[in-house]
């Protein structure tokens, strides 16, 4: 297996299963490392909406992860799964799946990072204007805040009109004036 790239069919195969997607999501949430027991607990809770999830569901998730999903992800070198210690770790290859599982902006950044960077830039610029940095002080903190607010609204409109299908549907509804 080439440890530098996944083929399109492999990516589709991995992401076509909800439990494998949840494994990747949970491992990213926990910093890349977990145990089979912790994964089965959190995935069962997500699937049932109950915390703690019913034991039979937790056991079912545990068995399917151990027998099917984690060996598949390990075989593709997306995770390292030690079936003896029941430990699971993301590999660098898992980063190749991020664009397929995260809503991305046209800049190549996930939208949440786009908004985070825009917000941080706005905060720093407003503070700089308030502290009297030349040029920014002339515009004023309120003026800078207005400029960044317009940028945020512009970003949201771009996301609505070019984003994922649910956002595109919302954008079409807003353009047509239909409330539902």
C-alpha atoms as a PDB file:
ATOM      1  CA  UNK A   1       0.000   0.000   0.000  1.00  0.00           C
ATOM      2  CA  UNK A   2       1.300   3.419  -0.931  1.00  0.00           C
ATOM      3  CA  UNK A   3       1.387   5.367   2.337  1.00  0.00           C
ATOM      4  CA  UNK A   4       1.218   8.721   0.572  1.00  0.00           C
ATOM      5  CA  UNK A   5      -2.086   8.576  -1.262  1.00  0.00           C
ATOM      6  CA  UNK A   6      -5.430   6.888  -1.153  1.00  0.00           C
ATOM      7  CA  UNK A   7      -7.152   5.966  -4.377  1.00  0.00           C
ATOM      8  CA  UNK A   8     -10.554   7.451  -5.107  1.00  0.00           C
ATOM      9  CA  UNK A   9     -12.262   4.075  -4.681  1.00  0.00           C
ATOM     10  CA  UNK A  10     -10.631   3.565  -1.288  1.00  0.00           C
ATOM     11  CA  UNK A  11     -11.757   7.009  -0.117  1.00  0.00           C
ATOM     12  CA  UNK A  12     -15.303   6.251  -1.272  1.00  0.00           C
ATOM     13  CA  UNK A  13     -15.238   2.854   0.427  1.00  0.00           C
ATOM     14  CA  UNK A  14     -14.040   4.305   3.726  1.00  0.00           C
ATOM     15  CA  UNK A  15     -16.489   7.198   3.773  1.00  0.00           C
ATOM     16  CA  UNK A  16     -19.470   5.192   2.534  1.00  0.00           C
ATOM     17  CA  UNK A  17     -19.934   3.741   6.016  1.00  0.00           C
ATOM     18  CA  UNK A  18     -21.358   5.873   8.841  1.00  0.00           C
ATOM     19  CA  UNK A  19     -19.442   4.050  11.585  1.00  0.00           C
ATOM     20  CA  UNK A  20     -16.109   4.566   9.847  1.00  0.00           C
ATOM     21  CA  UNK A  21     -16.923   8.256   9.432  1.00  0.00           C
ATOM     22  CA  UNK A  22     -17.782   8.411  13.137  1.00  0.00           C
ATOM     23  CA  UNK A  23     -14.500   6.680  14.035  1.00  0.00           C
ATOM     24  CA  UNK A  24     -12.553   9.339  12.123  1.00  0.00           C
ATOM     25  CA  UNK A  25     -14.627  12.156  13.620  1.00  0.00           C
ATOM     26  CA  UNK A  26     -14.163  10.846  17.159  1.00  0.00           C
ATOM     27  CA  UNK A  27     -10.430  10.303  16.723  1.00  0.00           C
ATOM     28  CA  UNK A  28     -10.034  13.876  15.469  1.00  0.00           C
ATOM     29  CA  UNK A  29     -12.058  15.113  18.446  1.00  0.00           C
ATOM     30  CA  UNK A  30      -9.822  13.257  20.906  1.00  0.00           C
ATOM     31  CA  UNK A  31      -6.548  14.364  19.341  1.00  0.00           C
ATOM     32  CA  UNK A  32      -5.951  11.255  17.246  1.00  0.00           C
ATOM     33  CA  UNK A  33      -5.766   8.531  19.896  1.00  0.00           C
ATOM     34  CA  UNK A  34      -8.398   6.422  21.602  1.00  0.00           C
ATOM     35  CA  UNK A  35      -9.285   2.908  22.634  1.00  0.00           C
ATOM     36  CA  UNK A  36     -11.790   0.552  21.095  1.00  0.00           C
ATOM     37  CA  UNK A  37     -13.910   0.763  24.265  1.00  0.00           C
ATOM     38  CA  UNK A  38     -13.968   4.592  24.196  1.00  0.00           C
ATOM     39  CA  UNK A  39     -14.787   4.649  20.480  1.00  0.00           C
ATOM     40  CA  UNK A  40     -17.601   2.134  20.835  1.00  0.00           C
ATOM     41  CA  UNK A  41     -19.057   4.082  23.773  1.00  0.00           C
ATOM     42  CA  UNK A  42     -19.044   7.441  21.977  1.00  0.00           C
ATOM     43  CA  UNK A  43     -20.276   6.051  18.641  1.00  0.00           C
ATOM     44  CA  UNK A  44     -23.096   4.125  20.326  1.00  0.00           C
ATOM     45  CA  UNK A  45     -24.063   7.310  22.194  1.00  0.00           C
ATOM     46  CA  UNK A  46     -24.112   9.270  18.940  1.00  0.00           C
ATOM     47  CA  UNK A  47     -26.141   6.617  17.122  1.00  0.00           C
ATOM     48  CA  UNK A  48     -28.750   6.279  19.883  1.00  0.00           C
ATOM     49  CA  UNK A  49     -28.746   9.798  21.293  1.00  0.00           C
ATOM     50  CA  UNK A  50     -28.510   8.261  24.764  1.00  0.00           C
ATOM     51  CA  UNK A  51     -25.736   8.687  27.308  1.00  0.00           C
ATOM     52  CA  UNK A  52     -24.819   6.156  28.385  1.00  0.00           C
ATOM     53  CA  UNK A  53     -26.013   4.151  25.385  1.00  0.00           C
ATOM     54  CA  UNK A  54     -27.766   0.824  25.916  1.00  0.00           C
ATOM     55  CA  UNK A  55     -25.328  -2.029  26.529  1.00  0.00           C
ATOM     56  CA  UNK A  56     -26.541  -4.114  23.582  1.00  0.00           C
ATOM     57  CA  UNK A  57     -25.915  -1.225  21.161  1.00  0.00           C
ATOM     58  CA  UNK A  58     -22.521  -0.519  22.702  1.00  0.00           C
ATOM     59  CA  UNK A  59     -21.593  -4.207  22.368  1.00  0.00           C
ATOM     60  CA  UNK A  60     -22.791  -4.275  18.755  1.00  0.00           C
ATOM     61  CA  UNK A  61     -20.713  -1.202  17.889  1.00  0.00           C
ATOM     62  CA  UNK A  62     -17.690  -2.681  19.701  1.00  0.00           C
ATOM     63  CA  UNK A  63     -17.937  -5.931  17.716  1.00  0.00           C
ATOM     64  CA  UNK A  64     -18.377  -4.230  14.343  1.00  0.00           C
ATOM     65  CA  UNK A  65     -15.485  -1.849  14.970  1.00  0.00           C
ATOM     66  CA  UNK A  66     -13.200  -4.667  16.150  1.00  0.00           C
ATOM     67  CA  UNK A  67     -14.112  -7.172  13.436  1.00  0.00           C
ATOM     68  CA  UNK A  68     -14.720  -4.956  10.418  1.00  0.00           C
ATOM     69  CA  UNK A  69     -14.174  -1.214  10.511  1.00  0.00           C
ATOM     70  CA  UNK A  70     -10.903  -0.781  12.392  1.00  0.00           C
ATOM     71  CA  UNK A  71      -9.148  -3.604  10.479  1.00  0.00           C
ATOM     72  CA  UNK A  72     -10.260  -1.969   7.205  1.00  0.00           C
ATOM     73  CA  UNK A  73      -8.985   1.457   8.287  1.00  0.00           C
ATOM     74  CA  UNK A  74      -5.766  -0.151   9.544  1.00  0.00           C
ATOM     75  CA  UNK A  75      -5.302  -2.044   6.274  1.00  0.00           C
ATOM     76  CA  UNK A  76      -5.548   1.232   4.357  1.00  0.00           C
ATOM     77  CA  UNK A  77      -3.095   2.792   6.852  1.00  0.00           C
ATOM     78  CA  UNK A  78      -5.602   5.488   7.840  1.00  0.00           C
ATOM     79  CA  UNK A  79      -5.384   4.366  11.471  1.00  0.00           C
ATOM     80  CA  UNK A  80      -3.071   2.156  13.433  1.00  0.00           C
ATOM     81  CA  UNK A  81      -5.154  -0.426  15.268  1.00  0.00           C
ATOM     82  CA  UNK A  82      -3.567  -2.813  17.734  1.00  0.00           C
ATOM     83  CA  UNK A  83      -6.135  -5.577  18.228  1.00  0.00           C
ATOM     84  CA  UNK A  84      -4.250  -6.876  21.288  1.00  0.00           C
ATOM     85  CA  UNK A  85      -4.200  -3.630  23.278  1.00  0.00           C
ATOM     86  CA  UNK A  86      -7.350  -2.309  21.542  1.00  0.00           C
ATOM     87  CA  UNK A  87      -5.637   1.051  20.926  1.00  0.00           C
ATOM     88  CA  UNK A  88      -6.408   3.182  17.875  1.00  0.00           C
ATOM     89  CA  UNK A  89      -4.427   6.122  16.453  1.00  0.00           C
ATOM     90  CA  UNK A  90      -4.905   8.279  13.389  1.00  0.00           C
ATOM     91  CA  UNK A  91      -2.051   8.293  10.880  1.00  0.00           C
ATOM     92  CA  UNK A  92      -0.969  11.170   8.654  1.00  0.00           C
ATOM     93  CA  UNK A  93      -2.840   9.508   5.795  1.00  0.00           C
ATOM     94  CA  UNK A  94      -6.128  10.346   7.562  1.00  0.00           C
ATOM     95  CA  UNK A  95      -5.526  13.997   6.645  1.00  0.00           C
ATOM     96  CA  UNK A  96      -6.304  13.087   3.021  1.00  0.00           C
ATOM     97  CA  UNK A  97      -9.919  12.460   4.047  1.00  0.00           C
ATOM     98  CA  UNK A  98     -10.450  15.906   5.618  1.00  0.00           C
ATOM     99  CA  UNK A  99     -11.533  17.642   2.378  1.00  0.00           C
ATOM    100  CA  UNK A 100     -14.179  14.932   1.904  1.00  0.00           C
ATOM    101  CA  UNK A 101     -15.554  15.200   5.445  1.00  0.00           C
ATOM    102  CA  UNK A 102     -15.286  18.936   6.101  1.00  0.00           C
ATOM    103  CA  UNK A 103     -17.108  21.765   4.374  1.00  0.00           C
ATOM    104  CA  UNK A 104     -14.323  23.638   2.571  1.00  0.00           C
ATOM    105  CA  UNK A 105     -14.209  27.229   1.360  1.00  0.00           C
ATOM    106  CA  UNK A 106     -12.864  28.204  -2.055  1.00  0.00           C
ATOM    107  CA  UNK A 107      -9.574  29.112  -0.361  1.00  0.00           C
ATOM    108  CA  UNK A 108      -8.956  25.462   0.539  1.00  0.00           C
ATOM    109  CA  UNK A 109      -9.573  26.130   4.223  1.00  0.00           C
ATOM    110  CA  UNK A 110     -12.491  24.563   6.060  1.00  0.00           C
ATOM    111  CA  UNK A 111     -15.166  27.217   6.561  1.00  0.00           C
ATOM    112  CA  UNK A 112     -14.776  27.114  10.330  1.00  0.00           C
ATOM    113  CA  UNK A 113     -11.075  28.030   9.929  1.00  0.00           C
ATOM    114  CA  UNK A 114     -11.986  30.758   7.442  1.00  0.00           C
ATOM    115  CA  UNK A 115     -14.360  32.349   9.982  1.00  0.00           C
ATOM    116  CA  UNK A 116     -11.908  31.842  12.841  1.00  0.00           C
ATOM    117  CA  UNK A 117      -9.112  33.606  10.943  1.00  0.00           C
ATOM    118  CA  UNK A 118     -11.438  36.385   9.843  1.00  0.00           C
ATOM    119  CA  UNK A 119     -12.630  36.858  13.430  1.00  0.00           C
ATOM    120  CA  UNK A 120      -9.089  36.899  14.820  1.00  0.00           C
ATOM    121  CA  UNK A 121      -7.996  39.411  12.176  1.00  0.00           C
ATOM    122  CA  UNK A 122     -11.024  41.557  13.011  1.00  0.00           C
ATOM    123  CA  UNK A 123     -10.286  41.460  16.736  1.00  0.00           C
ATOM    124  CA  UNK A 124      -6.600  42.346  16.255  1.00  0.00           C
ATOM    125  CA  UNK A 125      -7.420  45.145  13.817  1.00  0.00           C
ATOM    126  CA  UNK A 126     -10.127  46.657  16.039  1.00  0.00           C
ATOM    127  CA  UNK A 127      -7.727  46.599  19.000  1.00  0.00           C
ATOM    128  CA  UNK A 128      -4.995  48.175  16.858  1.00  0.00           C
ATOM    129  CA  UNK A 129      -7.399  50.907  15.719  1.00  0.00           C
ATOM    130  CA  UNK A 130      -8.448  51.537  19.307  1.00  0.00           C
ATOM    131  CA  UNK A 131      -4.788  51.789  20.381  1.00  0.00           C
ATOM    132  CA  UNK A 132      -4.175  54.468  17.775  1.00  0.00           C
ATOM    133  CA  UNK A 133      -2.177  52.607  15.114  1.00  0.00           C
ATOM    134  CA  UNK A 134      -1.792  55.015  12.174  1.00  0.00           C
ATOM    135  CA  UNK A 135      -4.308  54.599   9.333  1.00  0.00           C
ATOM    136  CA  UNK A 136      -6.464  52.278  11.463  1.00  0.00           C
ATOM    137  CA  UNK A 137      -6.969  55.030  14.053  1.00  0.00           C
ATOM    138  CA  UNK A 138      -8.189  57.293  11.241  1.00  0.00           C
ATOM    139  CA  UNK A 139     -10.853  54.734  10.339  1.00  0.00           C
ATOM    140  CA  UNK A 140     -11.639  54.049  14.001  1.00  0.00           C
ATOM    141  CA  UNK A 141     -12.526  50.863  15.817  1.00  0.00           C
ATOM    142  CA  UNK A 142     -16.171  51.084  14.766  1.00  0.00           C
ATOM    143  CA  UNK A 143     -15.229  51.599  11.117  1.00  0.00           C
ATOM    144  CA  UNK A 144     -12.894  48.599  11.193  1.00  0.00           C
ATOM    145  CA  UNK A 145     -15.603  46.512  12.878  1.00  0.00           C
ATOM    146  CA  UNK A 146     -18.056  47.485  10.129  1.00  0.00           C
ATOM    147  CA  UNK A 147     -15.572  46.469   7.413  1.00  0.00           C
ATOM    148  CA  UNK A 148     -15.049  43.058   9.019  1.00  0.00           C
ATOM    149  CA  UNK A 149     -18.790  42.628   9.580  1.00  0.00           C
ATOM    150  CA  UNK A 150     -19.335  43.173   5.861  1.00  0.00           C
ATOM    151  CA  UNK A 151     -16.566  40.627   5.167  1.00  0.00           C
ATOM    152  CA  UNK A 152     -18.282  38.094   7.457  1.00  0.00           C
ATOM    153  CA  UNK A 153     -21.641  38.653   5.771  1.00  0.00           C
ATOM    154  CA  UNK A 154     -19.966  38.374   2.355  1.00  0.00           C
ATOM    155  CA  UNK A 155     -18.326  35.106   3.402  1.00  0.00           C
ATOM    156  CA  UNK A 156     -21.653  33.760   4.601  1.00  0.00           C
ATOM    157  CA  UNK A 157     -23.305  34.660   1.302  1.00  0.00           C
ATOM    158  CA  UNK A 158     -20.522  32.938  -0.644  1.00  0.00           C
ATOM    159  CA  UNK A 159     -20.931  29.876   1.562  1.00  0.00           C
ATOM    160  CA  UNK A 160     -24.710  29.890   1.077  1.00  0.00           C
ATOM    161  CA  UNK A 161     -24.445  30.079  -2.690  1.00  0.00           C
ATOM    162  CA  UNK A 162     -21.459  27.805  -3.283  1.00  0.00           C
ATOM    163  CA  UNK A 163     -21.453  25.516  -0.271  1.00  0.00           C
ATOM    164  CA  UNK A 164     -22.791  22.054   0.401  1.00  0.00           C
ATOM    165  CA  UNK A 165     -26.174  20.933  -0.887  1.00  0.00           C
ATOM    166  CA  UNK A 166     -28.122  21.939   2.266  1.00  0.00           C
ATOM    167  CA  UNK A 167     -26.568  25.414   2.094  1.00  0.00           C
ATOM    168  CA  UNK A 168     -27.239  25.630  -1.646  1.00  0.00           C
ATOM    169  CA  UNK A 169     -30.884  24.696  -1.017  1.00  0.00           C
ATOM    170  CA  UNK A 170     -31.111  27.399   1.665  1.00  0.00           C
ATOM    171  CA  UNK A 171     -29.527  29.897  -0.728  1.00  0.00           C
ATOM    172  CA  UNK A 172     -32.042  28.990  -3.465  1.00  0.00           C
ATOM    173  CA  UNK A 173     -34.909  29.392  -0.984  1.00  0.00           C
ATOM    174  CA  UNK A 174     -33.619  32.802   0.088  1.00  0.00           C
ATOM    175  CA  UNK A 175     -33.263  33.926  -3.541  1.00  0.00           C
ATOM    176  CA  UNK A 176     -36.751  32.708  -4.458  1.00  0.00           C
ATOM    177  CA  UNK A 177     -38.359  34.213  -1.356  1.00  0.00           C
ATOM    178  CA  UNK A 178     -39.877  30.872  -0.284  1.00  0.00           C
ATOM    179  CA  UNK A 179     -39.833  30.441   3.512  1.00  0.00           C
ATOM    180  CA  UNK A 180     -39.626  26.612   3.467  1.00  0.00           C
END
